[in-house]
Amino acid sequence: MRLHAPSRRELLLASGTLFAWAYLPKLALAEGRDPRFLAIILRGALDGLATVAPVGDPDWVALRGDNALTFDGGKVQALKLTDFFALNPAMPNLHGMFQANEAIVVHACATPYRERSHFDGQDLLESGLPKPAASESGWLNRALAGLVPGARVDPKGSRVFAVGPVTPLVARGPAPVLSWSPQRIQPASDDTVARLLDLYRHSDVKLASVLEDNSKLSAIEQSGDMAQSMGQKPGGPGPAQLRAYFSEAAGNAAKFLAQPDGPRVGALALDGWDTHVNEGIATGRLSQLLGALDDALLAIKTNMGPAWKDTVVALSTEFGRTAHINGTDGTDHGTATVALLAGGALKGGRVIADWPGLKSAELYENRDLKPTTDLRAVLKGVLKDHLRADDRALAQNVFPGSADVKPMTGLVA
């Protein structure tokens, strides 16, 4: 029996829907390149210090105590990236990519946003605007639309798609979007549910009552033996559920990207990074999330196959978390964090950082890692060198008002 890779039509039929496509120009193909780009939004604010620890900073261990990753002598052994930076041990696949020059970490990185609201922070991250404002389009869609040269399209050129039950803002806009939703729906954490309830208790009492009732029913359903049989602890989605959802969403995105006549640009959002309670370092909530994300990155690389060499995956979050641990063994909303890049098209194996230091006087507002790199510079660098986006379009349309933020060079091989 002869096996063959699924066609674009087979993939679309399997998902139950046919879609509209948006094309990119011949430019990249004319150079013998066939670039793929996937943007992954980590909603909830990733703790960059716990993901990539500054083990070489003399103030690091005192800052986090038993929650500080170290190379030796600490509670948990970290994965070495450089003499100064170490990766969380929950991410061996990303570590392998880093060692193979297929991953880059940009540390002390942030959007222009300096408040700490998830809603505004996520909107600004995905819209690409310099400050929170209503927007019907995202930076990725506008970048794509700017690359479409009217009738000059290749019938097997690049296209854009979004993964998830709702198209992320980053992918919405004038360019048509293919949308696909995983069969699994990512479960909401207790913290997310509690914050939604608090929001609606002040704005919509009736809706809050319905949400509260549903939340109680869900808690009953997932309690006791039922929760254990699903690999889930009462009170939140467990590691098995997270890994299954993350891997399915990311792995199927890669299947679309890998097709010879499939899309070339895509986006998905992964929720749950709001680790106010029991963030942990080896067995806590963040470790579970990072392990699931690590599985997702492996699924992308595996399913991309030979196209991995032409791929860049950019992972970003709305802001970081506090430098100190809070009273419930978690971290609160902060400022600077990490941006992660993975893919065979990168000039990888590097941590890029203008390190600000961790002494109290060096922290932003005496509580957060100080931002020294603008996330827009990272994204501009990838869009310019990988997808051949124009400087003027990047500064005026993709990231409006960012003329003084220059694209970071040298990210792509």
Foldseek 3Di string as FASTA:
>chain_A
DDDDADAPVRLQVVLVHDFDWFFFFCVQVVVVAAFFEEEEEEAQAAAQCLAKNQQVFPCQCVFEPQQHEHCDDHPDHFDDLDPGITGFPLFVLQSVLLVVQFKEKEFLEAALDDDFDRVFLQQCVFQLENGRDDDQAGLQCLLRVLRDPPPRGDQLGATEEEEAPDRRRNNGDDGTYHYGYDPDHQDDALVVLVVVLVVCVVPPVVVSVVSVVVVVVVLVCCDDPNVVVQQHHRGGRHLVSLLVRLQRRLLSVLLQCQHSRGHRYYYYYDYDNNWLAQCGRCPGDVSSNSNSNSNSVVSNCVNNPPCQLNYKYKYDYSAHWWSHRDPRRTTHGAHIRMIMMGTNQWSHSYYHYPAQGDDQVSADVSIHRHRDAYVLLAVVQCCCPRVVGDLVCSDPPSNDPVNVRHHDYRTGD
